[in-house]
Amino acid sequence: MEAAADVVHRQGAERTTIADIARAAEVPVGNVYYYFKTKDELVAAALSEHERHLNQLVSHLNELPGPRERLKGLIDGWVGQRDLAVRYGCPTGTLAAELGKRDQGGLDAEAGRVVRLLLTWAEDQFRELGQPDPEGMALTLVGAYQGMSLLANALRDPGVMDREGARLTAWIDSLETA
């Protein structure tokens, strides 16, 4: 599943083959076919892996003392992945955009569900800070990340992630606690 998530992120769902996944996982192609009969099953596995990584991240962030620190930790994590974003964009966001162009499969809705998990977590942090529109603020934060990772990728400029990450951190610091 890790190999599927990595290769799909780097190549896109449409360009990825089962043989690519087998090569990345260093297993025979037959082994991959045993577990995943179709490319869509591999893409679903990649989405499951993205969800697993998100759950690990959130679990780690939830150990921080308060919502402000957790949100800033999230931003620091995004900026820390700037080289990956410059090369391939956001793993879940780019996959969601690609899947949204398909007419079948329902994987676009699954990608949206994974993104919604992050939005809900961020909304909870803004709510704990006592912000008046936690849902809107979560959408602004996650949208800013998607935008900065897209622009860093399009411009091949890691400085976009650094600058926008600093701007988001300053925004979080400026929020009054209710």
N, C-alpha and C. Protein backbone atom coordinates (compact mmCIF):
# COMPACT_ATOMS: atom_id res chain seq x y z
N MET A 1 0.82 -1.19 0.00
CA MET A 1 0.00 0.00 0.00
C MET A 1 0.87 1.25 0.00
N GLU A 2 1.98 1.20 0.74
CA GLU A 2 2.90 2.35 0.74
C GLU A 2 3.46 2.58 -0.65
N ALA A 3 3.84 1.51 -1.31
CA ALA A 3 4.38 1.65 -2.67
C ALA A 3 3.32 2.21 -3.60
N ALA A 4 2.08 1.77 -3.47
CA ALA A 4 0.99 2.29 -4.30
C ALA A 4 0.82 3.78 -4.07
N ALA A 5 0.80 4.20 -2.81
CA ALA A 5 0.63 5.62 -2.50
C ALA A 5 1.78 6.44 -3.07
N ASP A 6 2.99 5.95 -2.93
CA ASP A 6 4.16 6.68 -3.40
C ASP A 6 4.17 6.79 -4.92
N VAL A 7 3.96 5.69 -5.61
CA VAL A 7 4.03 5.70 -7.08
C VAL A 7 2.87 6.51 -7.66
N VAL A 8 1.68 6.34 -7.12
CA VAL A 8 0.53 7.12 -7.61
C VAL A 8 0.76 8.60 -7.40
N HIS A 9 1.38 8.98 -6.27
CA HIS A 9 1.68 10.38 -6.03
C HIS A 9 2.68 10.91 -7.06
N ARG A 10 3.70 10.14 -7.33
CA ARG A 10 4.76 10.59 -8.23
C ARG A 10 4.35 10.56 -9.71
N GLN A 11 3.54 9.59 -10.09
CA GLN A 11 3.22 9.41 -11.51
C GLN A 11 1.78 9.78 -11.87
N GLY A 12 0.90 9.83 -10.86
CA GLY A 12 -0.51 10.01 -11.13
C GLY A 12 -1.18 8.65 -11.30
N ALA A 13 -2.47 8.61 -11.03
CA ALA A 13 -3.21 7.36 -11.09
C ALA A 13 -3.27 6.80 -12.51
N GLU A 14 -3.48 7.66 -13.48
CA GLU A 14 -3.65 7.18 -14.86
C GLU A 14 -2.37 6.60 -15.43
N ARG A 15 -1.23 7.14 -15.07
CA ARG A 15 0.05 6.66 -15.62
C ARG A 15 0.63 5.48 -14.86
N THR A 16 0.11 5.20 -13.68
CA THR A 16 0.67 4.13 -12.86
C THR A 16 0.13 2.78 -13.30
N THR A 17 1.03 1.82 -13.38
CA THR A 17 0.64 0.44 -13.71
C THR A 17 0.88 -0.45 -12.50
N ILE A 18 0.26 -1.61 -12.55
CA ILE A 18 0.49 -2.59 -11.48
C ILE A 18 1.96 -2.99 -11.47
N ALA A 19 2.58 -3.06 -12.63
CA ALA A 19 4.01 -3.39 -12.70
C ALA A 19 4.85 -2.31 -12.00
N ASP A 20 4.45 -1.04 -12.13
CA ASP A 20 5.16 0.04 -11.44
C ASP A 20 5.11 -0.16 -9.92
N ILE A 21 3.95 -0.54 -9.44
CA ILE A 21 3.78 -0.77 -8.00
C ILE A 21 4.64 -1.95 -7.56
N ALA A 22 4.63 -3.02 -8.33
CA ALA A 22 5.43 -4.21 -7.99
C ALA A 22 6.91 -3.85 -7.93
N ARG A 23 7.37 -3.07 -8.92
CA ARG A 23 8.78 -2.66 -8.92
C ARG A 23 9.11 -1.85 -7.67
N ALA A 24 8.25 -0.90 -7.34
CA ALA A 24 8.50 -0.04 -6.17
C ALA A 24 8.47 -0.84 -4.87
N ALA A 25 7.58 -1.84 -4.81
CA ALA A 25 7.47 -2.66 -3.61
C ALA A 25 8.49 -3.80 -3.57
N GLU A 26 9.21 -3.94 -4.69
CA GLU A 26 10.21 -5.01 -4.82
C GLU A 26 9.59 -6.39 -4.61
N VAL A 27 8.47 -6.61 -5.28
CA VAL A 27 7.79 -7.90 -5.25
C VAL A 27 7.42 -8.30 -6.68
N PRO A 28 7.20 -9.59 -6.93
CA PRO A 28 6.77 -10.00 -8.27
C PRO A 28 5.39 -9.40 -8.61
N VAL A 29 5.18 -9.13 -9.89
CA VAL A 29 3.91 -8.54 -10.34
C VAL A 29 2.74 -9.42 -9.90
N GLY A 30 2.91 -10.72 -9.94
CA GLY A 30 1.83 -11.64 -9.54
C GLY A 30 1.38 -11.41 -8.11
N ASN A 31 2.30 -11.04 -7.25
CA ASN A 31 1.93 -10.76 -5.85
C ASN A 31 0.99 -9.57 -5.77
N VAL A 32 1.26 -8.55 -6.55
CA VAL A 32 0.41 -7.36 -6.55
C VAL A 32 -0.97 -7.73 -7.09
N TYR A 33 -1.01 -8.50 -8.19
CA TYR A 33 -2.29 -8.93 -8.75
C TYR A 33 -3.09 -9.78 -7.77
N TYR A 34 -2.40 -10.51 -6.91
CA TYR A 34 -3.09 -11.35 -5.93
C TYR A 34 -3.94 -10.48 -4.99
N TYR A 35 -3.43 -9.34 -4.59
CA TYR A 35 -4.13 -8.46 -3.65
C TYR A 35 -4.99 -7.41 -4.35
N PHE A 36 -4.56 -6.97 -5.52
CA PHE A 36 -5.25 -5.89 -6.23
C PHE A 36 -5.53 -6.32 -7.65
N LYS A 37 -6.78 -6.58 -7.96
CA LYS A 37 -7.15 -7.09 -9.28
C LYS A 37 -7.20 -5.99 -10.33
N THR A 38 -7.45 -4.76 -9.92
CA THR A 38 -7.60 -3.65 -10.87
C THR A 38 -6.78 -2.45 -10.41
N LYS A 39 -6.58 -1.54 -11.35
CA LYS A 39 -5.89 -0.30 -11.01
C LYS A 39 -6.70 0.49 -9.98
N ASP A 40 -8.02 0.48 -10.11
CA ASP A 40 -8.84 1.21 -9.14
C ASP A 40 -8.65 0.67 -7.72
N GLU A 41 -8.45 -0.64 -7.59
CA GLU A 41 -8.18 -1.20 -6.26
C GLU A 41 -6.84 -0.68 -5.74
N LEU A 42 -5.87 -0.51 -6.62
CA LEU A 42 -4.58 0.07 -6.22
C LEU A 42 -4.73 1.53 -5.80
N VAL A 43 -5.53 2.28 -6.54
CA VAL A 43 -5.76 3.68 -6.20
C VAL A 43 -6.49 3.77 -4.86
N ALA A 44 -7.45 2.88 -4.65
CA ALA A 44 -8.14 2.85 -3.36
C ALA A 44 -7.16 2.54 -2.23
N ALA A 45 -6.21 1.65 -2.50
CA ALA A 45 -5.19 1.33 -1.50
C ALA A 45 -4.30 2.55 -1.23
N ALA A 46 -3.98 3.29 -2.28
CA ALA A 46 -3.18 4.51 -2.10
C ALA A 46 -3.93 5.50 -1.23
N LEU A 47 -5.23 5.64 -1.47
CA LEU A 47 -6.04 6.55 -0.64
C LEU A 47 -6.08 6.08 0.80
N SER A 48 -6.18 4.78 1.00
CA SER A 48 -6.15 4.23 2.37
C SER A 48 -4.83 4.55 3.05
N GLU A 49 -3.77 4.49 2.28
CA GLU A 49 -2.45 4.82 2.84
C GLU A 49 -2.36 6.30 3.18
N HIS A 50 -2.92 7.16 2.33
CA HIS A 50 -2.95 8.59 2.65
C HIS A 50 -3.74 8.82 3.94
N GLU A 51 -4.84 8.11 4.09
CA GLU A 51 -5.64 8.24 5.31
C GLU A 51 -4.86 7.76 6.53
N ARG A 52 -4.13 6.66 6.38
CA ARG A 52 -3.32 6.14 7.49
C ARG A 52 -2.26 7.17 7.90
N HIS A 53 -1.59 7.77 6.90
CA HIS A 53 -0.59 8.80 7.20
C HIS A 53 -1.22 10.00 7.89
N LEU A 54 -2.39 10.41 7.42
CA LEU A 54 -3.09 11.54 8.04
C LEU A 54 -3.46 11.21 9.48
N ASN A 55 -3.95 10.02 9.73
CA ASN A 55 -4.30 9.63 11.10
C ASN A 55 -3.07 9.61 12.00
N GLN A 56 -1.94 9.16 11.48
CA GLN A 56 -0.69 9.19 12.26
C GLN A 56 -0.29 10.63 12.57
N LEU A 57 -0.37 11.49 11.57
CA LEU A 57 -0.01 12.89 11.76
C LEU A 57 -0.90 13.54 12.81
N VAL A 58 -2.20 13.34 12.68
CA VAL A 58 -3.15 13.93 13.63
C VAL A 58 -2.91 13.40 15.03
N SER A 59 -2.63 12.12 15.14
CA SER A 59 -2.34 11.53 16.45
C SER A 59 -1.12 12.20 17.07
N HIS A 60 -0.09 12.41 16.28
CA HIS A 60 1.12 13.08 16.76
C HIS A 60 0.82 14.53 17.14
N LEU A 61 0.09 15.23 16.29
CA LEU A 61 -0.24 16.64 16.57
C LEU A 61 -1.11 16.77 17.81
N ASN A 62 -1.99 15.81 18.04
CA ASN A 62 -2.88 15.87 19.20
C ASN A 62 -2.12 15.75 20.52
N GLU A 63 -0.86 15.35 20.46
CA GLU A 63 -0.03 15.30 21.68
C GLU A 63 0.48 16.69 22.07
N LEU A 64 0.40 17.64 21.15
CA LEU A 64 0.84 19.00 21.45
C LEU A 64 -0.15 19.66 22.41
N PRO A 65 0.30 20.64 23.21
CA PRO A 65 -0.51 21.13 24.33
C PRO A 65 -1.81 21.85 23.98
N GLY A 66 -1.91 22.49 22.85
CA GLY A 66 -3.12 23.24 22.56
C GLY A 66 -3.39 23.35 21.08
N PRO A 67 -4.56 23.87 20.72
CA PRO A 67 -4.93 23.94 19.31
C PRO A 67 -4.02 24.83 18.48
N ARG A 68 -3.55 25.91 19.05
CA ARG A 68 -2.65 26.81 18.30
C ARG A 68 -1.36 26.07 17.95
N GLU A 69 -0.81 25.37 18.92
CA GLU A 69 0.43 24.60 18.68
C GLU A 69 0.18 23.48 17.67
N ARG A 70 -1.00 22.85 17.76
CA ARG A 70 -1.33 21.77 16.82
C ARG A 70 -1.44 22.30 15.39
N LEU A 71 -2.13 23.43 15.22
CA LEU A 71 -2.26 24.01 13.89
C LEU A 71 -0.91 24.44 13.33
N LYS A 72 -0.10 25.05 14.17
CA LYS A 72 1.24 25.45 13.72
C LYS A 72 2.11 24.24 13.43
N GLY A 73 1.93 23.17 14.19
CA GLY A 73 2.65 21.92 13.90
C GLY A 73 2.26 21.35 12.55
N LEU A 74 0.98 21.45 12.21
CA LEU A 74 0.50 21.00 10.90
C LEU A 74 1.18 21.81 9.80
N ILE A 75 1.21 23.11 9.96
CA ILE A 75 1.84 23.99 8.96
C ILE A 75 3.33 23.66 8.85
N ASP A 76 4.00 23.47 9.98
CA ASP A 76 5.42 23.11 9.95
C ASP A 76 5.64 21.81 9.19
N GLY A 77 4.72 20.86 9.38
CA GLY A 77 4.82 19.60 8.65
C GLY A 77 4.68 19.80 7.15
N TRP A 78 3.74 20.65 6.77
CA TRP A 78 3.57 20.94 5.34
C TRP A 78 4.84 21.56 4.76
N VAL A 79 5.37 22.54 5.47
CA VAL A 79 6.58 23.22 4.98
C VAL A 79 7.75 22.24 4.95
N GLY A 80 7.81 21.35 5.91
CA GLY A 80 8.87 20.35 5.95
C GLY A 80 8.83 19.39 4.76
N GLN A 81 7.69 19.30 4.11
CA GLN A 81 7.55 18.45 2.92
C GLN A 81 7.65 19.25 1.63
N ARG A 82 8.24 20.45 1.71
CA ARG A 82 8.26 21.36 0.56
C ARG A 82 8.93 20.76 -0.66
N ASP A 83 10.00 20.00 -0.50
CA ASP A 83 10.67 19.44 -1.68
C ASP A 83 9.78 18.44 -2.41
N LEU A 84 9.03 17.67 -1.65
CA LEU A 84 8.08 16.74 -2.24
C LEU A 84 6.94 17.50 -2.94
N ALA A 85 6.46 18.57 -2.31
CA ALA A 85 5.41 19.38 -2.91
C ALA A 85 5.89 20.05 -4.19
N VAL A 86 7.13 20.53 -4.19
CA VAL A 86 7.68 21.16 -5.38
C VAL A 86 7.71 20.16 -6.54
N ARG A 87 8.05 18.95 -6.25
CA ARG A 87 8.19 17.95 -7.31
C ARG A 87 6.85 17.37 -7.76
N TYR A 88 5.93 17.10 -6.78
CA TYR A 88 4.72 16.34 -7.13
C TYR A 88 3.42 16.96 -6.63
N GLY A 89 3.47 18.03 -5.85
CA GLY A 89 2.25 18.59 -5.27
C GLY A 89 1.84 17.83 -4.02
N CYS A 90 0.68 18.17 -3.49
CA CYS A 90 0.13 17.50 -2.31
C CYS A 90 -0.32 16.10 -2.69
N PRO A 91 0.07 15.07 -1.94
CA PRO A 91 -0.31 13.71 -2.31
C PRO A 91 -1.82 13.50 -2.46
N THR A 92 -2.57 13.91 -1.49
CA THR A 92 -4.02 13.68 -1.53
C THR A 92 -4.70 14.67 -2.46
N GLY A 93 -4.27 15.92 -2.43
CA GLY A 93 -4.89 16.94 -3.27
C GLY A 93 -4.72 16.68 -4.75
N THR A 94 -3.50 16.30 -5.17
CA THR A 94 -3.29 16.03 -6.59
C THR A 94 -4.06 14.80 -7.03
N LEU A 95 -4.13 13.80 -6.17
CA LEU A 95 -4.90 12.59 -6.50
C LEU A 95 -6.39 12.92 -6.57
N ALA A 96 -6.88 13.72 -5.63
CA ALA A 96 -8.29 14.11 -5.65
C ALA A 96 -8.62 14.88 -6.93
N ALA A 97 -7.73 15.77 -7.34
CA ALA A 97 -7.96 16.54 -8.57
C ALA A 97 -7.98 15.61 -9.79
N GLU A 98 -7.06 14.67 -9.83
CA GLU A 98 -7.02 13.73 -10.95
C GLU A 98 -8.27 12.85 -10.97
N LEU A 99 -8.65 12.34 -9.82
CA LEU A 99 -9.83 11.45 -9.76
C LEU A 99 -11.11 12.21 -10.06
N GLY A 100 -11.15 13.50 -9.75
CA GLY A 100 -12.33 14.31 -10.03
C GLY A 100 -12.61 14.46 -11.51
N LYS A 101 -11.63 14.16 -12.34
CA LYS A 101 -11.80 14.25 -13.79
C LYS A 101 -12.36 12.97 -14.40
N ARG A 102 -12.45 11.93 -13.60
CA ARG A 102 -12.98 10.65 -14.09
C ARG A 102 -14.50 10.65 -14.01
N ASP A 103 -15.11 9.80 -14.80
CA ASP A 103 -16.57 9.70 -14.81
C ASP A 103 -17.08 8.50 -14.01
N GLN A 104 -16.21 7.63 -13.59
CA GLN A 104 -16.66 6.40 -12.94
C GLN A 104 -15.84 6.08 -11.70
N GLY A 105 -16.31 5.10 -10.97
CA GLY A 105 -15.51 4.51 -9.91
C GLY A 105 -15.79 4.97 -8.50
N GLY A 106 -16.19 6.20 -8.29
CA GLY A 106 -16.44 6.67 -6.94
C GLY A 106 -15.19 6.98 -6.14
N LEU A 107 -14.02 6.82 -6.76
CA LEU A 107 -12.79 7.10 -6.03
C LEU A 107 -12.63 8.59 -5.76
N ASP A 108 -13.26 9.43 -6.58
CA ASP A 108 -13.22 10.86 -6.33
C ASP A 108 -13.88 11.19 -4.99
N ALA A 109 -14.99 10.53 -4.70
CA ALA A 109 -15.67 10.73 -3.42
C ALA A 109 -14.81 10.22 -2.27
N GLU A 110 -14.10 9.13 -2.49
CA GLU A 110 -13.21 8.60 -1.45
C GLU A 110 -12.07 9.57 -1.17
N ALA A 111 -11.52 10.16 -2.22
CA ALA A 111 -10.46 11.15 -2.03
C ALA A 111 -11.01 12.35 -1.26
N GLY A 112 -12.20 12.77 -1.60
CA GLY A 112 -12.84 13.87 -0.88
C GLY A 112 -13.05 13.54 0.59
N ARG A 113 -13.39 12.29 0.88
CA ARG A 113 -13.58 11.88 2.27
C ARG A 113 -12.27 12.01 3.05
N VAL A 114 -11.15 11.64 2.43
CA VAL A 114 -9.86 11.76 3.11
C VAL A 114 -9.53 13.23 3.37
N VAL A 115 -9.78 14.09 2.39
CA VAL A 115 -9.56 15.52 2.58
C VAL A 115 -10.47 16.05 3.70
N ARG A 116 -11.70 15.57 3.74
CA ARG A 116 -12.67 16.00 4.76
C ARG A 116 -12.15 15.66 6.17
N LEU A 117 -11.42 14.57 6.32
CA LEU A 117 -10.87 14.22 7.64
C LEU A 117 -9.95 15.33 8.15
N LEU A 118 -9.11 15.86 7.26
CA LEU A 118 -8.21 16.94 7.66
C LEU A 118 -9.01 18.21 7.96
N LEU A 119 -9.99 18.50 7.13
CA LEU A 119 -10.82 19.68 7.37
C LEU A 119 -11.52 19.59 8.72
N THR A 120 -12.07 18.44 9.05
CA THR A 120 -12.77 18.26 10.32
C THR A 120 -11.82 18.43 11.49
N TRP A 121 -10.61 17.87 11.38
CA TRP A 121 -9.63 18.02 12.45
C TRP A 121 -9.28 19.49 12.63
N ALA A 122 -9.00 20.19 11.54
CA ALA A 122 -8.65 21.62 11.64
C ALA A 122 -9.82 22.42 12.21
N GLU A 123 -11.03 22.09 11.79
CA GLU A 123 -12.21 22.77 12.32
C GLU A 123 -12.29 22.60 13.84
N ASP A 124 -12.00 21.40 14.32
CA ASP A 124 -12.00 21.15 15.77
C ASP A 124 -10.98 22.03 16.48
N GLN A 125 -9.83 22.24 15.84
CA GLN A 125 -8.79 23.08 16.46
C GLN A 125 -9.26 24.53 16.54
N PHE A 126 -9.84 25.03 15.47
CA PHE A 126 -10.34 26.40 15.47
C PHE A 126 -11.50 26.56 16.46
N ARG A 127 -12.33 25.55 16.57
CA ARG A 127 -13.43 25.58 17.54
C ARG A 127 -12.87 25.65 18.96
N GLU A 128 -11.83 24.84 19.23
CA GLU A 128 -11.22 24.85 20.56
C GLU A 128 -10.58 26.20 20.86
N LEU A 129 -10.12 26.89 19.83
CA LEU A 129 -9.58 28.24 20.01
C LEU A 129 -10.69 29.27 20.23
N GLY A 130 -11.94 28.84 20.05
CA GLY A 130 -13.06 29.75 20.25
C GLY A 130 -13.33 30.65 19.07
N GLN A 131 -12.93 30.25 17.89
CA GLN A 131 -13.12 31.08 16.70
C GLN A 131 -14.58 31.03 16.25
N PRO A 132 -15.08 32.14 15.71
CA PRO A 132 -16.50 32.24 15.37
C PRO A 132 -16.92 31.41 14.16
N ASP A 133 -16.01 31.09 13.25
CA ASP A 133 -16.35 30.33 12.04
C ASP A 133 -15.32 29.22 11.84
N PRO A 134 -15.31 28.22 12.71
CA PRO A 134 -14.26 27.20 12.62
C PRO A 134 -14.28 26.43 11.30
N GLU A 135 -15.45 26.21 10.74
CA GLU A 135 -15.52 25.48 9.47
C GLU A 135 -14.88 26.31 8.35
N GLY A 136 -15.22 27.58 8.29
CA GLY A 136 -14.64 28.45 7.28
C GLY A 136 -13.14 28.62 7.44
N MET A 137 -12.69 28.71 8.68
CA MET A 137 -11.26 28.87 8.93
C MET A 137 -10.50 27.61 8.54
N ALA A 138 -11.09 26.45 8.80
CA ALA A 138 -10.46 25.18 8.40
C ALA A 138 -10.35 25.12 6.88
N LEU A 139 -11.41 25.54 6.21
CA LEU A 139 -11.39 25.56 4.74
C LEU A 139 -10.33 26.53 4.22
N THR A 140 -10.18 27.66 4.86
CA THR A 140 -9.15 28.63 4.48
C THR A 140 -7.77 28.03 4.67
N LEU A 141 -7.53 27.38 5.80
CA LEU A 141 -6.22 26.80 6.09
C LEU A 141 -5.87 25.70 5.10
N VAL A 142 -6.76 24.75 4.92
CA VAL A 142 -6.47 23.62 4.03
C VAL A 142 -6.41 24.11 2.58
N GLY A 143 -7.27 25.06 2.23
CA GLY A 143 -7.21 25.64 0.89
C GLY A 143 -5.90 26.36 0.64
N ALA A 144 -5.40 27.04 1.65
CA ALA A 144 -4.11 27.72 1.52
C ALA A 144 -3.00 26.71 1.29
N TYR A 145 -3.06 25.59 1.99
CA TYR A 145 -2.06 24.54 1.78
C TYR A 145 -2.14 23.99 0.36
N GLN A 146 -3.36 23.70 -0.08
CA GLN A 146 -3.50 23.18 -1.44
C GLN A 146 -2.96 24.18 -2.46
N GLY A 147 -3.27 25.45 -2.25
CA GLY A 147 -2.78 26.48 -3.15
C GLY A 147 -1.27 26.62 -3.13
N MET A 148 -0.69 26.60 -1.94
CA MET A 148 0.75 26.79 -1.89
C MET A 148 1.49 25.57 -2.43
N SER A 149 0.94 24.38 -2.23
CA SER A 149 1.61 23.20 -2.78
C SER A 149 1.46 23.17 -4.30
N LEU A 150 0.31 23.58 -4.81
CA LEU A 150 0.12 23.66 -6.26
C LEU A 150 1.06 24.68 -6.88
N LEU A 151 1.15 25.86 -6.27
CA LEU A 151 2.03 26.91 -6.81
C LEU A 151 3.50 26.53 -6.68
N ALA A 152 3.88 25.93 -5.57
CA ALA A 152 5.27 25.49 -5.42
C ALA A 152 5.61 24.47 -6.50
N ASN A 153 4.66 23.58 -6.80
CA ASN A 153 4.86 22.59 -7.85
C ASN A 153 4.92 23.24 -9.21
N ALA A 154 3.98 24.11 -9.52
CA ALA A 154 3.93 24.75 -10.84
C ALA A 154 5.15 25.63 -11.09
N LEU A 155 5.59 26.33 -10.05
CA LEU A 155 6.71 27.25 -10.19
C LEU A 155 8.05 26.59 -9.90
N ARG A 156 8.00 25.35 -9.37
CA ARG A 156 9.20 24.63 -8.96
C ARG A 156 10.03 25.47 -7.99
N ASP A 157 9.30 26.04 -7.01
CA ASP A 157 9.92 26.98 -6.07
C ASP A 157 9.55 26.60 -4.64
N PRO A 158 10.49 25.98 -3.89
CA PRO A 158 10.20 25.63 -2.50
C PRO A 158 9.99 26.85 -1.62
N GLY A 159 10.48 28.01 -2.05
CA GLY A 159 10.28 29.23 -1.28
C GLY A 159 8.81 29.59 -1.12
N VAL A 160 7.99 29.17 -2.07
CA VAL A 160 6.55 29.40 -1.94
C VAL A 160 6.04 28.75 -0.66
N MET A 161 6.47 27.52 -0.42
CA MET A 161 6.03 26.81 0.79
C MET A 161 6.54 27.52 2.04
N ASP A 162 7.79 27.96 2.00
CA ASP A 162 8.36 28.66 3.16
C ASP A 162 7.61 29.95 3.45
N ARG A 163 7.42 30.76 2.41
CA ARG A 163 6.77 32.07 2.61
C ARG A 163 5.32 31.93 3.03
N GLU A 164 4.59 31.06 2.35
CA GLU A 164 3.18 30.90 2.68
C GLU A 164 3.00 30.19 4.02
N GLY A 165 3.90 29.27 4.34
CA GLY A 165 3.86 28.64 5.66
C GLY A 165 4.07 29.66 6.77
N ALA A 166 5.01 30.58 6.56
CA ALA A 166 5.25 31.65 7.55
C ALA A 166 4.02 32.55 7.66
N ARG A 167 3.39 32.83 6.54
CA ARG A 167 2.18 33.67 6.54
C ARG A 167 1.05 32.97 7.32
N LEU A 168 0.89 31.67 7.10
CA LEU A 168 -0.15 30.92 7.82
C LEU A 168 0.15 30.86 9.31
N THR A 169 1.41 30.66 9.65
CA THR A 169 1.80 30.62 11.06
C THR A 169 1.51 31.96 11.74
N ALA A 170 1.83 33.06 11.06
CA ALA A 170 1.53 34.39 11.61
C ALA A 170 0.03 34.58 11.78
N TRP A 171 -0.74 34.08 10.84
CA TRP A 171 -2.20 34.16 10.94
C TRP A 171 -2.69 33.41 12.18
N ILE A 172 -2.19 32.20 12.38
CA ILE A 172 -2.60 31.40 13.55
C ILE A 172 -2.20 32.14 14.83
N ASP A 173 -1.00 32.71 14.86
CA ASP A 173 -0.54 33.45 16.04
C ASP A 173 -1.41 34.68 16.31
N SER A 174 -1.98 35.26 15.26
CA SER A 174 -2.78 36.50 15.43
C SER A 174 -4.19 36.24 15.95
N LEU A 175 -4.62 34.99 15.94
CA LEU A 175 -6.00 34.69 16.35
C LEU A 175 -6.16 34.86 17.85
N GLU A 176 -7.21 35.55 18.21
CA GLU A 176 -7.54 35.71 19.63
C GLU A 176 -8.19 34.43 20.15
N THR A 177 -7.87 34.09 21.35
CA THR A 177 -8.52 32.93 21.99
C THR A 177 -9.73 33.44 22.74
N ALA A 178 -10.85 32.80 22.47
CA ALA A 178 -12.10 33.23 23.15
C ALA A 178 -12.22 32.61 24.52
